[in-house]
Structure formats: C-alpha cells, structure tokens
Amino acid sequence: MKIGLFYGSTTCYSEMTAEKMQAFLGEELVDIYNIKDSGLAPITQYDIVILGISTWDYGELQEDWEALWDDIDQFNLNDKVVALYGQGDQEGYTDWFVDAMGLLHDKILPLGPQIVGYWPNTGYEFNESKALTQDRSHFVGLALDDECQFDLSEERINEWLAQVLEEVAQLD
C-alpha cells in the first residue's frame, strides 16, 4: 500500500510539511508530488491520497492548485481514501484561516472519495474558516499555521498521521 502525497507550495511550508509526513511514515510508503511539476494525473495510481494546499491572501487558492483547479473534476475518486492538510495564517488572515483546504474539500467531495483525517479546531485562534465541518467542531483536514504556531506543527502532523492511519485501517 503506497500513499500519494500531492501539494502545491509557494513559500515552501506545504512542501516542508509533505517532507515531514514522508519522514514520519517512511519513504517506502509515501511518494511526494509537487503538483506544479507533476500535475494531478499520478493520483490515479494510489488508493490513498493526501492533498496539501495553502491559503493565500483573503481565502484564495495557492497558485499551483488554482492553475489545475478545473482539472480536478476529471478524476473519479470513488475508490480513493483522501486526507487533506492546509497551511494558513490565523493572525494575519483570521477571517480566512485555511479557507483553501475547505474549498478543496468541497471540490473533491462530489467526486466520491472516502475522506479521513478531520481535525479538532481547538488550539487555534481565528474568526472564520471555510475549512470547518458543518458543526464547526473540526477542520476538514489538518490545519497548520507555520507562520504563528510553527512550534506546534510537528506534533500536530505526527498525531494527525497516526489518526489517518487508524481511520484507514478501520475502513478495511
């Protein structure tokens, strides 16, 4: 079982997160793709996919994801397990914290994936986010803020990955 981890990164935070995830899970288990170079086509090779996206300015998509946004609709994700992570700045953009992760979640949901890795919203200070679940108790994936809470990121990543693996094991 291999995991395909796809990210777009402008300032390298999403890339560093992908590398930390690969280090935690092992290179033999995780293949990393920068979507700027690979596009999204390799997604079809994996049953388990992690998608990483950052939010820019006032709730906007990261540029690599924006360039491929319409391409997402061509993928059948019915047989895929998908987990999401997002980077944001909860102090500078408190009304748009990790919005792009919520937009990506809503974009792929109609394509039929089994989404895992919903993450509690405790320990964050923000006003609003499109990445919150309907009951607003969780994010639709792992929310990271390497601008303001970098010291918490590694522990959050490790806990989230353990949670994702447990949820995937329960699906079998």
Protein backbone atom coordinates (compact mmCIF):
# COMPACT_ATOMS: atom_id res chain seq x y z
CA MET A 1 0.00 0.00 0.00
CA LYS A 2 1.55 3.29 -1.13
CA ILE A 3 0.30 6.79 -0.35
CA GLY A 4 0.45 9.55 -2.93
CA LEU A 5 1.02 12.95 -1.32
CA PHE A 6 0.29 15.91 -3.59
CA TYR A 7 0.98 19.50 -2.64
CA GLY A 8 1.34 22.98 -4.08
CA SER A 9 3.76 25.32 -2.37
CA THR A 10 4.78 28.91 -2.91
CA THR A 11 6.73 29.65 0.27
CA CYS A 12 7.77 26.03 0.94
CA TYR A 13 5.64 25.49 4.08
CA SER A 14 3.39 22.95 2.34
CA GLU A 15 6.47 21.31 0.85
CA MET A 16 8.19 21.09 4.24
CA THR A 17 5.01 19.57 5.66
CA ALA A 18 4.97 16.96 2.90
CA GLU A 19 8.59 16.09 3.64
CA LYS A 20 7.85 15.77 7.37
CA MET A 21 4.94 13.47 6.59
CA GLN A 22 7.10 11.32 4.34
CA ALA A 23 9.79 11.15 7.04
CA PHE A 24 7.22 10.14 9.66
CA LEU A 25 5.58 7.45 7.50
CA GLY A 26 8.67 6.38 5.57
CA GLU A 27 9.85 6.92 2.01
CA GLU A 28 8.83 3.36 1.13
CA LEU A 29 5.20 4.20 1.98
CA VAL A 30 4.82 7.78 0.67
CA ASP A 31 5.52 9.21 -2.77
CA ILE A 32 5.58 13.03 -2.86
CA TYR A 33 4.42 15.12 -5.81
CA ASN A 34 4.75 18.86 -6.27
CA ILE A 35 1.71 19.47 -8.48
CA LYS A 36 3.49 22.33 -10.23
CA ASP A 37 5.82 19.72 -11.73
CA SER A 38 3.69 16.56 -11.82
CA GLY A 39 0.13 17.78 -12.29
CA LEU A 40 -2.58 15.62 -10.78
CA ALA A 41 -2.58 12.62 -13.14
CA PRO A 42 -0.48 10.41 -10.82
CA ILE A 43 -3.40 10.42 -8.34
CA THR A 44 -4.89 7.53 -10.31
CA GLN A 45 -2.00 5.28 -9.18
CA TYR A 46 -2.92 5.44 -5.48
CA ASP A 47 -5.73 4.15 -3.29
CA ILE A 48 -4.75 6.56 -0.50
CA VAL A 49 -4.06 10.20 -1.29
CA ILE A 50 -3.02 13.16 0.86
CA LEU A 51 -3.60 16.61 -0.61
CA GLY A 52 -1.81 19.68 0.75
CA ILE A 53 -2.87 23.23 -0.02
CA SER A 54 -2.17 26.65 1.43
CA THR A 55 -4.47 29.64 1.62
CA TRP A 56 -3.35 32.93 0.15
CA ASP A 57 -4.43 36.45 0.97
CA TYR A 58 -8.15 36.66 1.59
CA GLY A 59 -9.11 33.00 1.26
CA GLU A 60 -7.57 32.37 -2.16
CA LEU A 61 -6.13 29.17 -3.59
CA GLN A 62 -2.39 28.63 -3.81
CA GLU A 63 -1.29 29.34 -7.40
CA ASP A 64 -0.35 25.76 -8.37
CA TRP A 65 -3.75 24.47 -7.23
CA GLU A 66 -5.51 27.38 -8.92
CA ALA A 67 -3.82 26.52 -12.23
CA LEU A 68 -5.10 22.91 -12.01
CA TRP A 69 -8.45 23.62 -10.33
CA ASP A 70 -10.65 22.67 -13.31
CA ASP A 71 -8.60 19.50 -13.93
CA ILE A 72 -9.72 18.05 -10.59
CA ASP A 73 -13.21 17.38 -11.96
CA GLN A 74 -11.90 14.75 -14.40
CA PHE A 75 -10.84 12.35 -11.64
CA ASN A 76 -13.04 9.58 -10.33
CA LEU A 77 -12.22 9.37 -6.64
CA ASN A 78 -14.84 6.74 -5.75
CA ASP A 79 -12.19 4.15 -4.92
CA LYS A 80 -9.87 6.56 -3.12
CA VAL A 81 -9.29 7.45 0.51
CA VAL A 82 -8.34 11.11 0.76
CA ALA A 83 -6.92 13.18 3.62
CA LEU A 84 -6.27 16.92 3.44
CA TYR A 85 -3.91 19.32 5.11
CA GLY A 86 -3.81 23.06 4.80
CA GLN A 87 -1.48 25.90 5.68
CA GLY A 88 -2.79 29.29 6.78
CA ASP A 89 -2.09 32.35 8.89
CA GLN A 90 -4.65 32.63 11.68
CA GLU A 91 -3.41 36.03 12.91
CA GLY A 92 -2.85 37.88 9.63
CA TYR A 93 -5.88 36.38 7.88
CA THR A 94 -8.10 35.50 10.80
CA ASP A 95 -11.31 35.59 8.72
CA TRP A 96 -9.92 33.23 6.03
CA PHE A 97 -7.88 30.71 8.01
CA VAL A 98 -7.14 27.64 5.83
CA ASP A 99 -10.07 28.50 3.54
CA ALA A 100 -8.35 26.84 0.56
CA MET A 101 -8.46 23.48 2.35
CA GLY A 102 -12.22 23.89 2.71
CA LEU A 103 -12.54 24.83 -0.96
CA LEU A 104 -10.53 21.76 -1.97
CA HIS A 105 -12.65 19.55 0.28
CA ASP A 106 -15.83 20.87 -1.30
CA LYS A 107 -14.35 20.46 -4.78
CA ILE A 108 -13.45 16.77 -4.36
CA LEU A 109 -16.42 15.67 -2.23
CA PRO A 110 -18.76 15.21 -5.25
CA LEU A 111 -16.09 13.01 -6.89
CA GLY A 112 -16.79 10.29 -4.31
CA PRO A 113 -13.72 9.84 -2.09
CA GLN A 114 -13.81 8.50 1.44
CA ILE A 115 -12.39 11.46 3.37
CA VAL A 116 -10.47 10.82 6.57
CA GLY A 117 -8.48 12.99 8.92
CA TYR A 118 -10.96 15.55 10.21
CA TRP A 119 -9.07 17.53 12.85
CA PRO A 120 -10.35 19.31 16.01
CA ASN A 121 -10.32 23.10 15.84
CA THR A 122 -9.10 23.51 19.41
CA GLY A 123 -5.79 25.29 19.99
CA TYR A 124 -6.29 27.79 17.17
CA GLU A 125 -7.32 31.44 17.32
CA PHE A 126 -9.19 32.63 14.24
CA ASN A 127 -12.52 34.23 13.42
CA GLU A 128 -13.73 32.25 10.42
CA SER A 129 -12.79 29.39 8.10
CA LYS A 130 -14.37 27.67 5.11
CA ALA A 131 -12.50 24.55 6.25
CA LEU A 132 -14.76 23.88 9.23
CA THR A 133 -17.16 20.95 9.29
CA GLN A 134 -20.86 21.70 9.35
CA ASP A 135 -20.98 21.56 13.15
CA ARG A 136 -17.84 23.77 13.25
CA SER A 137 -16.07 21.46 15.74
CA HIS A 138 -13.43 20.19 13.31
CA PHE A 139 -11.47 21.20 10.27
CA VAL A 140 -11.93 19.06 7.14
CA GLY A 141 -8.25 18.12 7.47
CA LEU A 142 -5.12 19.06 9.36
CA ALA A 143 -4.88 22.83 9.83
CA LEU A 144 -1.36 24.18 10.17
CA ASP A 145 -0.06 27.68 10.79
CA ASP A 146 3.69 27.69 10.28
CA GLU A 147 3.65 31.49 10.49
CA CYS A 148 2.29 31.73 14.05
CA GLN A 149 2.36 28.21 15.51
CA PHE A 150 5.37 26.57 13.87
CA ASP A 151 6.37 25.04 17.20
CA LEU A 152 3.11 23.02 17.23
CA SER A 153 3.26 21.77 13.64
CA GLU A 154 5.44 18.68 14.01
CA GLU A 155 3.41 17.29 16.91
CA ARG A 156 0.16 18.03 15.05
CA ILE A 157 1.48 16.34 11.91
CA ASN A 158 2.52 13.21 13.80
CA GLU A 159 -0.77 12.97 15.71
CA TRP A 160 -2.79 13.56 12.55
CA LEU A 161 -0.89 10.94 10.55
CA ALA A 162 -1.44 8.38 13.31
CA GLN A 163 -5.14 9.28 13.27
CA VAL A 164 -5.32 8.97 9.46
CA LEU A 165 -3.63 5.55 9.52
CA GLU A 166 -6.03 4.35 12.21
CA GLU A 167 -9.04 5.59 10.25
CA VAL A 168 -7.75 3.91 7.06
CA ALA A 169 -7.24 0.63 8.96
CA GLN A 170 -10.84 0.81 10.19
CA LEU A 171 -12.09 1.09 6.61
CA ASP A 172 -10.75 -2.36 5.69
